Amino acid sequence: MNIDFSQLKTAEQLQADKERAQLDGILATRRAAYLSESDPLRLEADYDGLSQGNAPDYTAWLASVADIKKRFPLPKAVVPAED
């Protein structure tokens, strides 16, 4: 019987896999929230501004995005630019 040590994972690799899975879950949840909650507000603001000849009022959209980011914060080790 031969043991294939190439498939052995270190504790650091297991921790990195766990952190990546957690990050992927948070990003997927944020993405779903953006699609269902904030994107419709942005589209409505764009339409209202365009149809009335004014600059769009993104106040509601920005508040919604801030709320989503507050509800689903990124782990401390992640740089916000990756979001």
Protein backbone atom coordinates (compact mmCIF):
# COMPACT_ATOMS: atom_id res chain seq x y z
CA MET A 1 0.00 0.00 0.00
CA ASN A 2 1.41 3.36 -1.08
CA ILE A 3 0.41 6.63 0.52
CA ASP A 4 0.00 9.58 -1.85
CA PHE A 5 1.25 12.53 0.17
CA SER A 6 0.58 14.95 -2.72
CA GLN A 7 -3.08 15.06 -1.67
CA LEU A 8 -2.30 15.84 1.95
CA LYS A 9 -3.39 19.32 3.02
CA THR A 10 -1.74 21.34 5.75
CA ALA A 11 -3.70 23.09 8.48
CA GLU A 12 -2.99 26.40 6.73
CA GLN A 13 -4.38 25.08 3.43
CA LEU A 14 -7.51 23.79 5.17
CA GLN A 15 -7.98 27.16 6.89
CA ALA A 16 -7.49 29.01 3.59
CA ASP A 17 -10.08 26.73 1.93
CA LYS A 18 -12.52 27.41 4.76
CA GLU A 19 -11.99 31.18 4.54
CA ARG A 20 -12.40 31.12 0.75
CA ALA A 21 -15.65 29.16 1.04
CA GLN A 22 -16.93 31.64 3.63
CA LEU A 23 -15.99 34.59 1.40
CA ASP A 24 -17.63 32.96 -1.63
CA GLY A 25 -20.82 32.47 0.37
CA ILE A 26 -20.89 36.09 1.54
CA LEU A 27 -20.24 37.40 -1.98
CA ALA A 28 -22.99 35.19 -3.42
CA THR A 29 -25.42 36.41 -0.76
CA ARG A 30 -24.48 40.03 -1.43
CA ARG A 31 -24.86 39.49 -5.17
CA ALA A 32 -28.37 38.09 -4.68
CA ALA A 33 -29.32 40.98 -2.39
CA TYR A 34 -27.99 43.54 -4.87
CA LEU A 35 -30.03 41.94 -7.67
CA SER A 36 -33.26 41.77 -5.70
CA GLU A 37 -33.04 44.90 -3.52
CA SER A 38 -30.71 47.62 -4.76
CA ASP A 39 -30.52 47.16 -8.53
CA PRO A 40 -34.25 47.85 -9.05
CA LEU A 41 -33.84 51.12 -7.11
CA ARG A 42 -30.92 52.18 -9.30
CA LEU A 43 -32.80 51.31 -12.49
CA GLU A 44 -35.83 53.25 -11.30
CA ALA A 45 -33.67 56.27 -10.45
CA ASP A 46 -32.02 56.06 -13.88
CA TYR A 47 -35.39 55.88 -15.63
CA ASP A 48 -36.92 58.70 -13.57
CA GLY A 49 -33.95 60.95 -14.21
CA LEU A 50 -33.86 60.18 -17.91
CA SER A 51 -37.60 60.56 -18.43
CA GLN A 52 -37.71 63.87 -16.55
CA GLY A 53 -34.48 65.25 -18.00
CA ASN A 54 -32.85 65.46 -14.57
CA ALA A 55 -29.85 63.84 -12.95
CA PRO A 56 -30.83 60.57 -11.28
CA ASP A 57 -31.40 60.65 -7.51
CA TYR A 58 -29.43 57.70 -6.19
CA THR A 59 -30.18 58.34 -2.51
CA ALA A 60 -32.39 55.26 -2.03
CA TRP A 61 -30.02 53.07 -4.02
CA LEU A 62 -26.97 54.16 -2.02
CA ALA A 63 -28.83 53.53 1.24
CA SER A 64 -29.81 50.07 0.04
CA VAL A 65 -26.22 49.21 -0.94
CA ALA A 66 -24.94 50.43 2.43
CA ASP A 67 -27.57 48.32 4.20
CA ILE A 68 -26.58 45.20 2.24
CA LYS A 69 -22.90 45.74 3.05
CA LYS A 70 -23.79 46.19 6.71
CA ARG A 71 -25.93 43.01 6.79
CA PHE A 72 -23.32 40.92 4.98
CA PRO A 73 -19.88 42.25 6.01
CA LEU A 74 -16.74 40.90 4.43
CA PRO A 75 -14.25 39.08 6.65
CA LYS A 76 -11.59 41.36 8.16
CA ALA A 77 -8.78 39.86 6.06
CA VAL A 78 -10.47 40.73 2.76
CA VAL A 79 -9.73 43.98 0.97
CA PRO A 80 -13.03 45.76 0.09
CA ALA A 81 -11.87 46.24 -3.52
CA GLU A 82 -12.52 42.53 -4.13
CA ASP A 83 -16.24 43.02 -3.55
